[in-house]
Every structure is written in structure tokens, then in C-alpha cells.
C-alpha atoms as a PDB file:
ATOM      1  CA  MET A   1      39.638  11.822  -0.147  1.00  0.00           C
ATOM      2  CA  ILE A   2      40.846  10.854   3.330  1.00  0.00           C
ATOM      3  CA  LYS A   3      41.253   7.226   2.262  1.00  0.00           C
ATOM      4  CA  ARG A   4      43.041   8.231  -0.936  1.00  0.00           C
ATOM      5  CA  VAL A   5      45.502  10.498   0.896  1.00  0.00           C
ATOM      6  CA  THR A   6      46.036   8.574   4.157  1.00  0.00           C
ATOM      7  CA  GLY A   7      44.931   5.041   3.344  1.00  0.00           C
ATOM      8  CA  VAL A   8      42.492   5.091   6.299  1.00  0.00           C
ATOM      9  CA  LYS A   9      38.748   4.662   5.738  1.00  0.00           C
ATOM     10  CA  TYR A  10      36.364   6.577   8.028  1.00  0.00           C
ATOM     11  CA  HIS A  11      32.584   6.467   8.359  1.00  0.00           C
ATOM     12  CA  PRO A  12      31.082   9.799   7.140  1.00  0.00           C
ATOM     13  CA  GLY A  13      29.577  10.466  10.582  1.00  0.00           C
ATOM     14  CA  HIS A  14      32.968  10.046  12.230  1.00  0.00           C
ATOM     15  CA  VAL A  15      34.646  12.417   9.791  1.00  0.00           C
ATOM     16  CA  TRP A  16      32.579  15.267  11.272  1.00  0.00           C
ATOM     17  CA  ARG A  17      33.874  14.368  14.737  1.00  0.00           C
ATOM     18  CA  LEU A  18      37.455  14.423  13.510  1.00  0.00           C
ATOM     19  CA  LEU A  19      36.970  17.758  11.767  1.00  0.00           C
ATOM     20  CA  GLY A  20      35.271  19.198  14.854  1.00  0.00           C
ATOM     21  CA  ALA A  21      38.205  18.093  17.002  1.00  0.00           C
ATOM     22  CA  LEU A  22      40.441  20.077  14.642  1.00  0.00           C
ATOM     23  CA  ASP A  23      38.149  23.146  15.057  1.00  0.00           C
ATOM     24  CA  TRP A  24      36.906  22.927  11.477  1.00  0.00           C
ATOM     25  CA  THR A  25      33.420  24.296  10.799  1.00  0.00           C
ATOM     26  CA  LEU A  26      31.064  24.496   7.848  1.00  0.00           C
ATOM     27  CA  GLN A  27      32.060  27.018   5.216  1.00  0.00           C
ATOM     28  CA  ARG A  28      30.033  30.195   5.299  1.00  0.00           C
ATOM     29  CA  PRO A  29      30.265  33.067   2.837  1.00  0.00           C
ATOM     30  CA  ALA A  30      32.384  35.878   4.244  1.00  0.00           C
ATOM     31  CA  LYS A  31      30.753  38.564   2.120  1.00  0.00           C
ATOM     32  CA  ARG A  32      27.876  39.067  -0.268  1.00  0.00           C
ATOM     33  CA  ALA A  33      28.071  37.756  -3.802  1.00  0.00           C
ATOM     34  CA  LYS A  34      29.455  40.114  -6.445  1.00  0.00           C
ATOM     35  CA  GLU A  35      26.526  39.182  -8.691  1.00  0.00           C
ATOM     36  CA  ARG A  36      23.995  40.375  -6.078  1.00  0.00           C
ATOM     37  CA  ASN A  37      21.251  42.461  -7.688  1.00  0.00           C
ATOM     38  CA  GLU A  38      19.918  44.880  -5.069  1.00  0.00           C
ATOM     39  CA  THR A  39      17.134  46.134  -7.362  1.00  0.00           C
ATOM     40  CA  ALA A  40      15.799  42.621  -7.979  1.00  0.00           C
ATOM     41  CA  ILE A  41      15.997  41.814  -4.264  1.00  0.00           C
ATOM     42  CA  ARG A  42      14.117  44.988  -3.322  1.00  0.00           C
ATOM     43  CA  HIS A  43      11.446  44.170  -5.935  1.00  0.00           C
ATOM     44  CA  TRP A  44      11.048  40.599  -4.613  1.00  0.00           C
ATOM     45  CA  VAL A  45      10.783  41.790  -1.007  1.00  0.00           C
ATOM     46  CA  THR A  46       8.063  44.308  -1.849  1.00  0.00           C
ATOM     47  CA  THR A  47       6.017  42.146  -4.255  1.00  0.00           C
ATOM     48  CA  ARG A  48       6.547  38.431  -3.641  1.00  0.00           C
ATOM     49  CA  TRP A  49       7.479  38.234   0.054  1.00  0.00           C
ATOM     50  CA  PRO A  50       4.168  39.629   1.400  1.00  0.00           C
ATOM     51  CA  ALA A  51       2.263  36.858  -0.428  1.00  0.00           C
ATOM     52  CA  VAL A  52       4.623  34.166   0.847  1.00  0.00           C
ATOM     53  CA  LYS A  53       4.517  35.551   4.383  1.00  0.00           C
ATOM     54  CA  LYS A  54       0.697  35.486   4.474  1.00  0.00           C
ATOM     55  CA  THR A  55       0.597  31.775   3.618  1.00  0.00           C
ATOM     56  CA  LEU A  56       2.981  30.668   6.385  1.00  0.00           C
ATOM     57  CA  GLY A  57       0.355  30.573   9.163  1.00  0.00           C
ATOM     58  CA  VAL A  58      -2.413  28.903   7.149  1.00  0.00           C
ATOM     59  CA  ALA A  59      -1.259  25.325   7.895  1.00  0.00           C
ATOM     60  CA  GLY A  60      -2.999  25.201  11.284  1.00  0.00           C
ATOM     61  CA  PRO A  61      -1.727  23.784  14.581  1.00  0.00           C
ATOM     62  CA  GLY A  62       1.731  22.265  14.825  1.00  0.00           C
ATOM     63  CA  SER A  63       0.643  18.730  15.694  1.00  0.00           C
ATOM     64  CA  SER A  64       1.212  15.970  13.161  1.00  0.00           C
ATOM     65  CA  SER A  65      -1.728  14.104  14.673  1.00  0.00           C
ATOM     66  CA  LYS A  66      -5.129  14.641  13.068  1.00  0.00           C
ATOM     67  CA  THR A  67      -6.930  13.913  16.356  1.00  0.00           C
ATOM     68  CA  ARG A  68      -4.732  15.671  18.913  1.00  0.00           C
ATOM     69  CA  ALA A  69      -4.095  19.395  19.210  1.00  0.00           C
ATOM     70  CA  ALA A  70      -0.535  20.662  19.401  1.00  0.00           C
ATOM     71  CA  SER A  71       0.965  21.256  22.826  1.00  0.00           C
ATOM     72  CA  ARG A  72       2.134  24.831  23.292  1.00  0.00           C
ATOM     73  CA  SER A  73       4.511  24.057  26.170  1.00  0.00           C
ATOM     74  CA  GLY A  74       6.674  21.623  24.200  1.00  0.00           C
ATOM     75  CA  ARG A  75       6.606  19.216  27.181  1.00  0.00           C
ATOM     76  CA  PRO A  76       4.787  15.905  27.250  1.00  0.00           C
ATOM     77  CA  SER A  77       1.727  15.600  29.430  1.00  0.00           C
ATOM     78  CA  ALA A  78       2.282  14.763  33.120  1.00  0.00           C
ATOM     79  CA  ALA A  79      -0.001  11.744  32.693  1.00  0.00           C
ATOM     80  CA  HIS A  80       2.764   9.893  30.819  1.00  0.00           C
ATOM     81  CA  GLY A  81       5.030   8.459  33.514  1.00  0.00           C
ATOM     82  CA  PRO A  82       6.783   9.820  36.610  1.00  0.00           C
ATOM     83  CA  ARG A  83       7.929  13.399  36.979  1.00  0.00           C
ATOM     84  CA  ALA A  84      11.522  14.193  36.070  1.00  0.00           C
ATOM     85  CA  GLY A  85      14.003  14.112  38.940  1.00  0.00           C
ATOM     86  CA  ARG A  86      11.938  11.863  41.226  1.00  0.00           C
ATOM     87  CA  PRO A  87      12.405   8.106  41.507  1.00  0.00           C
ATOM     88  CA  PRO A  88       9.296   6.008  40.891  1.00  0.00           C
ATOM     89  CA  SER A  89       7.586   4.818  44.079  1.00  0.00           C
END
């Protein structure tokens, strides 16, 4: 649409930068849908959600490696290179 209106072609990744510079954000619904069915939602929450919720933790540890356990700290091990903030000696 930008090219059609202005004659200028932008890369899709750059369009987001332009829109951000203009304070544009993603559209979000301002209110709930008129078609919202509170009874159906309440039924789903009481019947289906407990079953779904129970299966979330079954996957095991968060590591994608089959031979290495997941790190809980989110930081790499200190054995991999110098510490942050200190120049190598």
C-alpha cells in the first residue's frame, strides 16, 4: 500500500520502524466482542481448562538437549569464557 500511495518501496522490517517513529502500535481490541458467550466461557473454564492445565507441566525440563539438564538461572555456565565486565588476561 505504501508503494501504491507514495511510490516508495520499503522492506517490511523497515515499515515497522517507520510506524514506530510515528507512535503507531499494534491494534488491540478496546472492548469485548458483542458475540461473547459468557455461559460457554464459564463452561469451558470449569470443564476443559483443568484438563489442559494439568498437561502443561508434563513435558519435563526446559532444555532442548536430550543429554543436558535445563539451567534454572538462565545464565550460561561460568566455564564458557571470561566473566562479564572484566577484560581477558
